[in-house]
Amino acid sequence: MTKLEKALMLFRKKRFDFVLFKFGELLGFKGITPHFPLFLMVEPTNVCNLRCPACPTGSGKLNRPKRMMRFEEYKRIIDQVKNKVIGIALWNYGEPFLNKNFCK
């Protein structure tokens, strides 16, 4: 994907703040950050059925209560960031497919 195609994609996604940020970088402005993040990480669950020793969840060192994200929580988050982020990662500490609402 060329730089022009990437810029057009950002315009289609209404990410004018990031386009202006990149333009400012080209002009030599430093220390300016885009208003919204480009990517969002959503954790559908912090539960896992594996016991990987290097993972805080698998090794039992995660210092949070285990839980599954409700579909309503997920929808509220997505509604807040739609047209503002380029991508969403649906994992962090846990196996997302253990959440029965994941595919919904």
PDB file of N, CA and C in Angstrom:
ATOM      1  N   MET A   1       0.844  -1.174   0.000  1.00  0.00           N
ATOM      2  CA  MET A   1       0.000   0.000   0.000  1.00  0.00           C
ATOM      3  C   MET A   1       0.893   1.242   0.000  1.00  0.00           C
ATOM      4  N   THR A   2       0.655   2.157  -0.910  1.00  0.00           N
ATOM      5  CA  THR A   2       1.466   3.368  -1.016  1.00  0.00           C
ATOM      6  C   THR A   2       1.058   4.369   0.066  1.00  0.00           C
ATOM      7  N   LYS A   3       1.890   5.404   0.255  1.00  0.00           N
ATOM      8  CA  LYS A   3       1.583   6.437   1.240  1.00  0.00           C
ATOM      9  C   LYS A   3       0.299   7.174   0.874  1.00  0.00           C
ATOM     10  N   LEU A   4       0.084   7.385  -0.406  1.00  0.00           N
ATOM     11  CA  LEU A   4      -1.137   8.065  -0.851  1.00  0.00           C
ATOM     12  C   LEU A   4      -2.364   7.209  -0.535  1.00  0.00           C
ATOM     13  N   GLU A   5      -2.274   5.908  -0.782  1.00  0.00           N
ATOM     14  CA  GLU A   5      -3.392   5.009  -0.470  1.00  0.00           C
ATOM     15  C   GLU A   5      -3.675   4.985   1.034  1.00  0.00           C
ATOM     16  N   LYS A   6      -2.608   5.001   1.849  1.00  0.00           N
ATOM     17  CA  LYS A   6      -2.786   5.036   3.296  1.00  0.00           C
ATOM     18  C   LYS A   6      -3.466   6.329   3.729  1.00  0.00           C
ATOM     19  N   ALA A   7      -3.055   7.444   3.137  1.00  0.00           N
ATOM     20  CA  ALA A   7      -3.662   8.735   3.473  1.00  0.00           C
ATOM     21  C   ALA A   7      -5.134   8.756   3.076  1.00  0.00           C
ATOM     22  N   LEU A   8      -5.461   8.223   1.908  1.00  0.00           N
ATOM     23  CA  LEU A   8      -6.856   8.182   1.474  1.00  0.00           C
ATOM     24  C   LEU A   8      -7.691   7.299   2.387  1.00  0.00           C
ATOM     25  N   MET A   9      -7.096   6.189   2.854  1.00  0.00           N
ATOM     26  CA  MET A   9      -7.799   5.317   3.783  1.00  0.00           C
ATOM     27  C   MET A   9      -8.111   6.073   5.083  1.00  0.00           C
ATOM     28  N   LEU A  10      -7.151   6.866   5.559  1.00  0.00           N
ATOM     29  CA  LEU A  10      -7.368   7.643   6.776  1.00  0.00           C
ATOM     30  C   LEU A  10      -8.476   8.674   6.573  1.00  0.00           C
ATOM     31  N   PHE A  11      -8.516   9.299   5.409  1.00  0.00           N
ATOM     32  CA  PHE A  11      -9.582  10.257   5.118  1.00  0.00           C
ATOM     33  C   PHE A  11     -10.940   9.568   5.090  1.00  0.00           C
ATOM     34  N   ARG A  12     -11.002   8.396   4.469  1.00  0.00           N
ATOM     35  CA  ARG A  12     -12.276   7.657   4.421  1.00  0.00           C
ATOM     36  C   ARG A  12     -12.742   7.272   5.822  1.00  0.00           C
ATOM     37  N   LYS A  13     -11.786   7.003   6.715  1.00  0.00           N
ATOM     38  CA  LYS A  13     -12.122   6.629   8.087  1.00  0.00           C
ATOM     39  C   LYS A  13     -12.277   7.863   8.988  1.00  0.00           C
ATOM     40  N   LYS A  14     -12.271   9.047   8.390  1.00  0.00           N
ATOM     41  CA  LYS A  14     -12.431  10.313   9.118  1.00  0.00           C
ATOM     42  C   LYS A  14     -11.333  10.527  10.139  1.00  0.00           C
ATOM     43  N   ARG A  15     -10.113  10.106   9.823  1.00  0.00           N
ATOM     44  CA  ARG A  15      -8.966  10.294  10.708  1.00  0.00           C
ATOM     45  C   ARG A  15      -8.157  11.502  10.269  1.00  0.00           C
ATOM     46  N   PHE A  16      -8.821  12.642  10.169  1.00  0.00           N
ATOM     47  CA  PHE A  16      -8.161  13.868   9.736  1.00  0.00           C
ATOM     48  C   PHE A  16      -7.081  14.290  10.726  1.00  0.00           C
ATOM     49  N   ASP A  17      -7.299  13.995  12.025  1.00  0.00           N
ATOM     50  CA  ASP A  17      -6.306  14.350  13.029  1.00  0.00           C
ATOM     51  C   ASP A  17      -4.974  13.654  12.750  1.00  0.00           C
ATOM     52  N   PHE A  18      -5.030  12.405  12.331  1.00  0.00           N
ATOM     53  CA  PHE A  18      -3.782  11.691  12.070  1.00  0.00           C
ATOM     54  C   PHE A  18      -3.128  12.170  10.777  1.00  0.00           C
ATOM     55  N   VAL A  19      -3.935  12.493   9.777  1.00  0.00           N
ATOM     56  CA  VAL A  19      -3.384  13.026   8.528  1.00  0.00           C
ATOM     57  C   VAL A  19      -2.667  14.349   8.815  1.00  0.00           C
ATOM     58  N   LEU A  20      -3.288  15.217   9.613  1.00  0.00           N
ATOM     59  CA  LEU A  20      -2.651  16.483   9.974  1.00  0.00           C
ATOM     60  C   LEU A  20      -1.389  16.252  10.797  1.00  0.00           C
ATOM     61  N   PHE A  21      -1.420  15.259  11.667  1.00  0.00           N
ATOM     62  CA  PHE A  21      -0.243  14.898  12.460  1.00  0.00           C
ATOM     63  C   PHE A  21       0.911  14.501  11.545  1.00  0.00           C
ATOM     64  N   LYS A  22       0.634  13.625  10.565  1.00  0.00           N
ATOM     65  CA  LYS A  22       1.681  13.177   9.643  1.00  0.00           C
ATOM     66  C   LYS A  22       2.183  14.343   8.792  1.00  0.00           C
ATOM     67  N   PHE A  23       1.276  15.228   8.378  1.00  0.00           N
ATOM     68  CA  PHE A  23       1.667  16.404   7.593  1.00  0.00           C
ATOM     69  C   PHE A  23       2.567  17.313   8.434  1.00  0.00           C
ATOM     70  N   GLY A  24       2.218  17.478   9.715  1.00  0.00           N
ATOM     71  CA  GLY A  24       3.056  18.269  10.618  1.00  0.00           C
ATOM     72  C   GLY A  24       4.434  17.671  10.786  1.00  0.00           C
ATOM     73  N   GLU A  25       4.516  16.346  10.837  1.00  0.00           N
ATOM     74  CA  GLU A  25       5.820  15.671  10.902  1.00  0.00           C
ATOM     75  C   GLU A  25       6.657  15.994   9.681  1.00  0.00           C
ATOM     76  N   LEU A  26       6.020  15.980   8.508  1.00  0.00           N
ATOM     77  CA  LEU A  26       6.741  16.299   7.266  1.00  0.00           C
ATOM     78  C   LEU A  26       7.266  17.730   7.274  1.00  0.00           C
ATOM     79  N   LEU A  27       6.537  18.636   7.931  1.00  0.00           N
ATOM     80  CA  LEU A  27       6.952  20.038   8.008  1.00  0.00           C
ATOM     81  C   LEU A  27       7.971  20.284   9.114  1.00  0.00           C
ATOM     82  N   GLY A  28       8.265  19.247   9.913  1.00  0.00           N
ATOM     83  CA  GLY A  28       9.285  19.366  10.944  1.00  0.00           C
ATOM     84  C   GLY A  28       8.768  19.622  12.343  1.00  0.00           C
ATOM     85  N   PHE A  29       7.456  19.602  12.548  1.00  0.00           N
ATOM     86  CA  PHE A  29       6.911  19.781  13.893  1.00  0.00           C
ATOM     87  C   PHE A  29       7.166  18.524  14.704  1.00  0.00           C
ATOM     88  N   LYS A  30       7.630  18.703  15.934  1.00  0.00           N
ATOM     89  CA  LYS A  30       7.933  17.569  16.812  1.00  0.00           C
ATOM     90  C   LYS A  30       7.068  17.643  18.066  1.00  0.00           C
ATOM     91  N   GLY A  31       6.796  16.507  18.664  1.00  0.00           N
ATOM     92  CA  GLY A  31       6.086  16.460  19.933  1.00  0.00           C
ATOM     93  C   GLY A  31       4.578  16.614  19.832  1.00  0.00           C
ATOM     94  N   ILE A  32       4.028  16.607  18.647  1.00  0.00           N
ATOM     95  CA  ILE A  32       2.587  16.694  18.467  1.00  0.00           C
ATOM     96  C   ILE A  32       2.069  15.270  18.298  1.00  0.00           C
ATOM     97  N   THR A  33       0.996  14.946  18.992  1.00  0.00           N
ATOM     98  CA  THR A  33       0.440  13.600  18.881  1.00  0.00           C
ATOM     99  C   THR A  33      -0.973  13.660  18.319  1.00  0.00           C
ATOM    100  N   PRO A  34      -1.402  12.603  17.645  1.00  0.00           N
ATOM    101  CA  PRO A  34      -2.782  12.566  17.153  1.00  0.00           C
ATOM    102  C   PRO A  34      -3.764  12.567  18.322  1.00  0.00           C
ATOM    103  N   HIS A  35      -4.954  13.060  18.073  1.00  0.00           N
ATOM    104  CA  HIS A  35      -5.973  13.183  19.112  1.00  0.00           C
ATOM    105  C   HIS A  35      -6.453  11.813  19.605  1.00  0.00           C
ATOM    106  N   PHE A  36      -6.607  10.858  18.708  1.00  0.00           N
ATOM    107  CA  PHE A  36      -7.082   9.525  19.065  1.00  0.00           C
ATOM    108  C   PHE A  36      -6.006   8.500  18.733  1.00  0.00           C
ATOM    109  N   PRO A  37      -5.987   7.375  19.447  1.00  0.00           N
ATOM    110  CA  PRO A  37      -5.041   6.311  19.083  1.00  0.00           C
ATOM    111  C   PRO A  37      -5.444   5.680  17.753  1.00  0.00           C
ATOM    112  N   LEU A  38      -4.472   5.097  17.076  1.00  0.00           N
ATOM    113  CA  LEU A  38      -4.749   4.424  15.808  1.00  0.00           C
ATOM    114  C   LEU A  38      -5.339   3.046  16.020  1.00  0.00           C
ATOM    115  N   PHE A  39      -4.876   2.364  17.050  1.00  0.00           N
ATOM    116  CA  PHE A  39      -5.301   0.987  17.305  1.00  0.00           C
ATOM    117  C   PHE A  39      -5.815   0.865  18.734  1.00  0.00           C
ATOM    118  N   LEU A  40      -6.736  -0.044  18.910  1.00  0.00           N
ATOM    119  CA  LEU A  40      -7.324  -0.281  20.214  1.00  0.00           C
ATOM    120  C   LEU A  40      -7.214  -1.768  20.528  1.00  0.00           C
ATOM    121  N   MET A  41      -6.861  -2.077  21.762  1.00  0.00           N
ATOM    122  CA  MET A  41      -6.818  -3.470  22.183  1.00  0.00           C
ATOM    123  C   MET A  41      -7.969  -3.697  23.161  1.00  0.00           C
ATOM    124  N   VAL A  42      -8.863  -4.607  22.819  1.00  0.00           N
ATOM    125  CA  VAL A  42     -10.009  -4.949  23.649  1.00  0.00           C
ATOM    126  C   VAL A  42      -9.816  -6.382  24.128  1.00  0.00           C
ATOM    127  N   GLU A  43     -10.007  -6.591  25.405  1.00  0.00           N
ATOM    128  CA  GLU A  43      -9.787  -7.903  26.006  1.00  0.00           C
ATOM    129  C   GLU A  43     -11.146  -8.545  26.301  1.00  0.00           C
ATOM    130  N   PRO A  44     -11.647  -9.431  25.424  1.00  0.00           N
ATOM    131  CA  PRO A  44     -12.948 -10.069  25.654  1.00  0.00           C
ATOM    132  C   PRO A  44     -12.988 -10.900  26.935  1.00  0.00           C
ATOM    133  N   THR A  45     -11.848 -11.407  27.352  1.00  0.00           N
ATOM    134  CA  THR A  45     -11.748 -12.155  28.608  1.00  0.00           C
ATOM    135  C   THR A  45     -10.294 -12.162  29.061  1.00  0.00           C
ATOM    136  N   ASN A  46     -10.098 -12.327  30.348  1.00  0.00           N
ATOM    137  CA  ASN A  46      -8.741 -12.534  30.857  1.00  0.00           C
ATOM    138  C   ASN A  46      -8.612 -13.943  31.437  1.00  0.00           C
ATOM    139  N   VAL A  47      -9.429 -14.841  30.900  1.00  0.00           N
ATOM    140  CA  VAL A  47      -9.434 -16.254  31.296  1.00  0.00           C
ATOM    141  C   VAL A  47      -8.767 -17.059  30.188  1.00  0.00           C
ATOM    142  N   CYS A  48      -8.021 -18.070  30.566  1.00  0.00           N
ATOM    143  CA  CYS A  48      -7.378 -18.920  29.560  1.00  0.00           C
ATOM    144  C   CYS A  48      -7.394 -20.368  30.041  1.00  0.00           C
ATOM    145  N   ASN A  49      -7.504 -21.266  29.084  1.00  0.00           N
ATOM    146  CA  ASN A  49      -7.517 -22.696  29.415  1.00  0.00           C
ATOM    147  C   ASN A  49      -6.121 -23.311  29.332  1.00  0.00           C
ATOM    148  N   LEU A  50      -5.110 -22.541  29.015  1.00  0.00           N
ATOM    149  CA  LEU A  50      -3.732 -23.039  28.961  1.00  0.00           C
ATOM    150  C   LEU A  50      -2.959 -22.581  30.190  1.00  0.00           C
ATOM    151  N   ARG A  51      -1.815 -23.128  30.418  1.00  0.00           N
ATOM    152  CA  ARG A  51      -0.975 -22.788  31.569  1.00  0.00           C
ATOM    153  C   ARG A  51       0.426 -22.385  31.108  1.00  0.00           C
ATOM    154  N   CYS A  52       0.500 -21.444  30.199  1.00  0.00           N
ATOM    155  CA  CYS A  52       1.799 -20.996  29.677  1.00  0.00           C
ATOM    156  C   CYS A  52       2.585 -20.289  30.783  1.00  0.00           C
ATOM    157  N   PRO A  53       3.790 -20.739  31.084  1.00  0.00           N
ATOM    158  CA  PRO A  53       4.541 -20.172  32.207  1.00  0.00           C
ATOM    159  C   PRO A  53       4.965 -18.715  32.001  1.00  0.00           C
ATOM    160  N   ALA A  54       5.091 -18.261  30.760  1.00  0.00           N
ATOM    161  CA  ALA A  54       5.524 -16.887  30.508  1.00  0.00           C
ATOM    162  C   ALA A  54       4.356 -15.895  30.516  1.00  0.00           C
ATOM    163  N   CYS A  55       3.140 -16.382  30.581  1.00  0.00           N
ATOM    164  CA  CYS A  55       1.948 -15.525  30.516  1.00  0.00           C
ATOM    165  C   CYS A  55       1.414 -15.267  31.925  1.00  0.00           C
ATOM    166  N   PRO A  56       1.096 -14.019  32.259  1.00  0.00           N
ATOM    167  CA  PRO A  56       0.531 -13.741  33.590  1.00  0.00           C
ATOM    168  C   PRO A  56      -0.780 -14.487  33.848  1.00  0.00           C
ATOM    169  N   THR A  57      -1.579 -14.699  32.821  1.00  0.00           N
ATOM    170  CA  THR A  57      -2.838 -15.421  33.009  1.00  0.00           C
ATOM    171  C   THR A  57      -2.570 -16.903  33.239  1.00  0.00           C
ATOM    172  N   GLY A  58      -1.788 -17.512  32.379  1.00  0.00           N
ATOM    173  CA  GLY A  58      -1.517 -18.945  32.478  1.00  0.00           C
ATOM    174  C   GLY A  58      -0.740 -19.328  33.717  1.00  0.00           C
ATOM    175  N   SER A  59       0.153 -18.452  34.171  1.00  0.00           N
ATOM    176  CA  SER A  59       0.956 -18.761  35.352  1.00  0.00           C
ATOM    177  C   SER A  59       0.253 -18.375  36.657  1.00  0.00           C
ATOM    178  N   GLY A  60      -0.933 -17.757  36.539  1.00  0.00           N
ATOM    179  CA  GLY A  60      -1.687 -17.377  37.725  1.00  0.00           C
ATOM    180  C   GLY A  60      -1.200 -16.100  38.389  1.00  0.00           C
ATOM    181  N   LYS A  61      -0.391 -15.311  37.695  1.00  0.00           N
ATOM    182  CA  LYS A  61       0.169 -14.085  38.276  1.00  0.00           C
ATOM    183  C   LYS A  61      -0.611 -12.825  37.884  1.00  0.00           C
ATOM    184  N   LEU A  62      -1.708 -12.988  37.188  1.00  0.00           N
ATOM    185  CA  LEU A  62      -2.525 -11.838  36.809  1.00  0.00           C
ATOM    186  C   LEU A  62      -3.267 -11.346  38.050  1.00  0.00           C
ATOM    187  N   ASN A  63      -3.066 -10.106  38.405  1.00  0.00           N
ATOM    188  CA  ASN A  63      -3.615  -9.569  39.646  1.00  0.00           C
ATOM    189  C   ASN A  63      -4.967  -8.889  39.440  1.00  0.00           C
ATOM    190  N   ARG A  64      -5.832  -9.523  38.680  1.00  0.00           N
ATOM    191  CA  ARG A  64      -7.183  -9.011  38.454  1.00  0.00           C
ATOM    192  C   ARG A  64      -8.159 -10.158  38.573  1.00  0.00           C
ATOM    193  N   PRO A  65      -9.405  -9.855  38.941  1.00  0.00           N
ATOM    194  CA  PRO A  65     -10.408 -10.922  38.948  1.00  0.00           C
ATOM    195  C   PRO A  65     -10.646 -11.441  37.530  1.00  0.00           C
ATOM    196  N   LYS A  66     -10.856 -12.740  37.409  1.00  0.00           N
ATOM    197  CA  LYS A  66     -11.143 -13.325  36.097  1.00  0.00           C
ATOM    198  C   LYS A  66     -12.574 -12.993  35.714  1.00  0.00           C
ATOM    199  N   ARG A  67     -12.757 -12.578  34.445  1.00  0.00           N
ATOM    200  CA  ARG A  67     -14.106 -12.251  34.000  1.00  0.00           C
ATOM    201  C   ARG A  67     -14.206 -12.266  32.486  1.00  0.00           C
ATOM    202  N   MET A  68     -15.439 -12.309  32.011  1.00  0.00           N
ATOM    203  CA  MET A  68     -15.759 -12.237  30.591  1.00  0.00           C
ATOM    204  C   MET A  68     -16.422 -10.882  30.318  1.00  0.00           C
ATOM    205  N   MET A  69     -16.034 -10.249  29.228  1.00  0.00           N
ATOM    206  CA  MET A  69     -16.669  -8.992  28.858  1.00  0.00           C
ATOM    207  C   MET A  69     -18.066  -9.263  28.325  1.00  0.00           C
ATOM    208  N   ARG A  70     -19.024  -8.499  28.789  1.00  0.00           N
ATOM    209  CA  ARG A  70     -20.393  -8.632  28.280  1.00  0.00           C
ATOM    210  C   ARG A  70     -20.482  -7.959  26.916  1.00  0.00           C
ATOM    211  N   PHE A  71     -21.391  -8.452  26.075  1.00  0.00           N
ATOM    212  CA  PHE A  71     -21.551  -7.902  24.730  1.00  0.00           C
ATOM    213  C   PHE A  71     -21.888  -6.414  24.782  1.00  0.00           C
ATOM    214  N   GLU A  72     -22.675  -5.989  25.756  1.00  0.00           N
ATOM    215  CA  GLU A  72     -23.058  -4.585  25.881  1.00  0.00           C
ATOM    216  C   GLU A  72     -21.840  -3.698  26.143  1.00  0.00           C
ATOM    217  N   GLU A  73     -20.890  -4.197  26.945  1.00  0.00           N
ATOM    218  CA  GLU A  73     -19.649  -3.453  27.206  1.00  0.00           C
ATOM    219  C   GLU A  73     -18.853  -3.287  25.917  1.00  0.00           C
ATOM    220  N   TYR A  74     -18.703  -4.390  25.210  1.00  0.00           N
ATOM    221  CA  TYR A  74     -17.970  -4.375  23.945  1.00  0.00           C
ATOM    222  C   TYR A  74     -18.614  -3.392  22.967  1.00  0.00           C
ATOM    223  N   LYS A  75     -19.935  -3.446  22.817  1.00  0.00           N
ATOM    224  CA  LYS A  75     -20.647  -2.581  21.891  1.00  0.00           C
ATOM    225  C   LYS A  75     -20.471  -1.109  22.272  1.00  0.00           C
ATOM    226  N   ARG A  76     -20.526  -0.805  23.559  1.00  0.00           N
ATOM    227  CA  ARG A  76     -20.348   0.572  24.008  1.00  0.00           C
ATOM    228  C   ARG A  76     -18.953   1.102  23.642  1.00  0.00           C
ATOM    229  N   ILE A  77     -17.944   0.268  23.829  1.00  0.00           N
ATOM    230  CA  ILE A  77     -16.575   0.667  23.488  1.00  0.00           C
ATOM    231  C   ILE A  77     -16.454   0.901  21.986  1.00  0.00           C
ATOM    232  N   ILE A  78     -16.944  -0.036  21.192  1.00  0.00           N
ATOM    233  CA  ILE A  78     -16.842   0.079  19.729  1.00  0.00           C
ATOM    234  C   ILE A  78     -17.600   1.298  19.230  1.00  0.00           C
ATOM    235  N   ASP A  79     -18.763   1.566  19.779  1.00  0.00           N
ATOM    236  CA  ASP A  79     -19.525   2.742  19.369  1.00  0.00           C
ATOM    237  C   ASP A  79     -18.774   4.033  19.669  1.00  0.00           C
ATOM    238  N   GLN A  80     -17.997   4.060  20.730  1.00  0.00           N
ATOM    239  CA  GLN A  80     -17.238   5.255  21.092  1.00  0.00           C
ATOM    240  C   GLN A  80     -16.053   5.499  20.158  1.00  0.00           C
ATOM    241  N   VAL A  81     -15.471   4.428  19.603  1.00  0.00           N
ATOM    242  CA  VAL A  81     -14.253   4.599  18.814  1.00  0.00           C
ATOM    243  C   VAL A  81     -14.442   4.393  17.312  1.00  0.00           C
ATOM    244  N   LYS A  82     -15.662   4.039  16.883  1.00  0.00           N
ATOM    245  CA  LYS A  82     -15.844   3.811  15.448  1.00  0.00           C
ATOM    246  C   LYS A  82     -15.507   5.096  14.694  1.00  0.00           C
ATOM    247  N   ASN A  83     -14.918   4.930  13.544  1.00  0.00           N
ATOM    248  CA  ASN A  83     -14.441   6.024  12.692  1.00  0.00           C
ATOM    249  C   ASN A  83     -13.292   6.805  13.312  1.00  0.00           C
ATOM    250  N   LYS A  84     -12.712   6.300  14.407  1.00  0.00           N
ATOM    251  CA  LYS A  84     -11.581   6.985  15.027  1.00  0.00           C
ATOM    252  C   LYS A  84     -10.329   6.130  15.055  1.00  0.00           C
ATOM    253  N   VAL A  85     -10.489   4.809  15.056  1.00  0.00           N
ATOM    254  CA  VAL A  85      -9.334   3.918  15.060  1.00  0.00           C
ATOM    255  C   VAL A  85      -9.260   3.168  13.739  1.00  0.00           C
ATOM    256  N   ILE A  86      -8.077   2.744  13.400  1.00  0.00           N
ATOM    257  CA  ILE A  86      -7.868   2.003  12.165  1.00  0.00           C
ATOM    258  C   ILE A  86      -8.057   0.508  12.396  1.00  0.00           C
ATOM    259  N   GLY A  87      -7.642   0.042  13.563  1.00  0.00           N
ATOM    260  CA  GLY A  87      -7.734  -1.392  13.830  1.00  0.00           C
ATOM    261  C   GLY A  87      -8.005  -1.676  15.296  1.00  0.00           C
ATOM    262  N   ILE A  88      -8.545  -2.863  15.536  1.00  0.00           N
ATOM    263  CA  ILE A  88      -8.846  -3.313  16.887  1.00  0.00           C
ATOM    264  C   ILE A  88      -8.299  -4.722  17.058  1.00  0.00           C
ATOM    265  N   ALA A  89      -7.526  -4.930  18.108  1.00  0.00           N
ATOM    266  CA  ALA A  89      -7.041  -6.269  18.452  1.00  0.00           C
ATOM    267  C   ALA A  89      -7.963  -6.815  19.536  1.00  0.00           C
ATOM    268  N   LEU A  90      -8.513  -7.979  19.312  1.00  0.00           N
ATOM    269  CA  LEU A  90      -9.461  -8.572  20.251  1.00  0.00           C
ATOM    270  C   LEU A  90      -8.790  -9.634  21.117  1.00  0.00           C
ATOM    271  N   TRP A  91      -7.726  -9.251  21.806  1.00  0.00           N
ATOM    272  CA  TRP A  91      -7.046 -10.172  22.697  1.00  0.00           C
ATOM    273  C   TRP A  91      -6.102  -9.370  23.572  1.00  0.00           C
ATOM    274  N   ASN A  92      -5.699  -9.927  24.644  1.00  0.00           N
ATOM    275  CA  ASN A  92      -4.644  -9.398  25.495  1.00  0.00           C
ATOM    276  C   ASN A  92      -4.206 -10.535  26.405  1.00  0.00           C
ATOM    277  N   TYR A  93      -4.634 -10.554  27.656  1.00  0.00           N
ATOM    278  CA  TYR A  93      -4.314 -11.668  28.544  1.00  0.00           C
ATOM    279  C   TYR A  93      -5.537 -12.551  28.625  1.00  0.00           C
ATOM    280  N   GLY A  94      -5.531 -13.626  27.910  1.00  0.00           N
ATOM    281  CA  GLY A  94      -6.667 -14.539  27.924  1.00  0.00           C
ATOM    282  C   GLY A  94      -6.965 -15.061  26.532  1.00  0.00           C
ATOM    283  N   GLU A  95      -7.787 -16.080  26.460  1.00  0.00           N
ATOM    284  CA  GLU A  95      -8.193 -16.689  25.200  1.00  0.00           C
ATOM    285  C   GLU A  95      -9.559 -16.122  24.817  1.00  0.00           C
ATOM    286  N   PRO A  96      -9.621 -15.228  23.806  1.00  0.00           N
ATOM    287  CA  PRO A  96     -10.876 -14.560  23.473  1.00  0.00           C
ATOM    288  C   PRO A  96     -12.005 -15.502  23.094  1.00  0.00           C
ATOM    289  N   PHE A  97     -11.698 -16.658  22.499  1.00  0.00           N
ATOM    290  CA  PHE A  97     -12.750 -17.578  22.064  1.00  0.00           C
ATOM    291  C   PHE A  97     -13.443 -18.289  23.227  1.00  0.00           C
ATOM    292  N   LEU A  98     -12.925 -18.143  24.443  1.00  0.00           N
ATOM    293  CA  LEU A  98     -13.632 -18.680  25.601  1.00  0.00           C
ATOM    294  C   LEU A  98     -14.842 -17.824  25.977  1.00  0.00           C
ATOM    295  N   ASN A  99     -14.866 -16.593  25.499  1.00  0.00           N
ATOM    296  CA  ASN A  99     -16.019 -15.726  25.732  1.00  0.00           C
ATOM    297  C   ASN A  99     -17.119 -16.106  24.743  1.00  0.00           C
ATOM    298  N   LYS A 100     -18.256 -16.573  25.253  1.00  0.00           N
ATOM    299  CA  LYS A 100     -19.313 -17.064  24.370  1.00  0.00           C
ATOM    300  C   LYS A 100     -19.887 -15.964  23.476  1.00  0.00           C
ATOM    301  N   ASN A 101     -19.694 -14.698  23.820  1.00  0.00           N
ATOM    302  CA  ASN A 101     -20.198 -13.590  23.006  1.00  0.00           C
ATOM    303  C   ASN A 101     -19.177 -13.084  21.985  1.00  0.00           C
ATOM    304  N   PHE A 102     -18.016 -13.721  21.916  1.00  0.00           N
ATOM    305  CA  PHE A 102     -16.933 -13.222  21.072  1.00  0.00           C
ATOM    306  C   PHE A 102     -17.349 -13.085  19.598  1.00  0.00           C
ATOM    307  N   CYS A 103     -17.954 -14.095  19.044  1.00  0.00           N
ATOM    308  CA  CYS A 103     -18.322 -14.065  17.612  1.00  0.00           C
ATOM    309  C   CYS A 103     -19.532 -13.174  17.334  1.00  0.00           C
ATOM    310  N   LYS A 104     -20.313 -12.920  18.346  1.00  0.00           N
ATOM    311  CA  LYS A 104     -21.486 -12.057  18.207  1.00  0.00           C
ATOM    312  C   LYS A 104     -21.060 -10.674  17.800  1.00  0.00           C
TER     313      LYS A 104
END
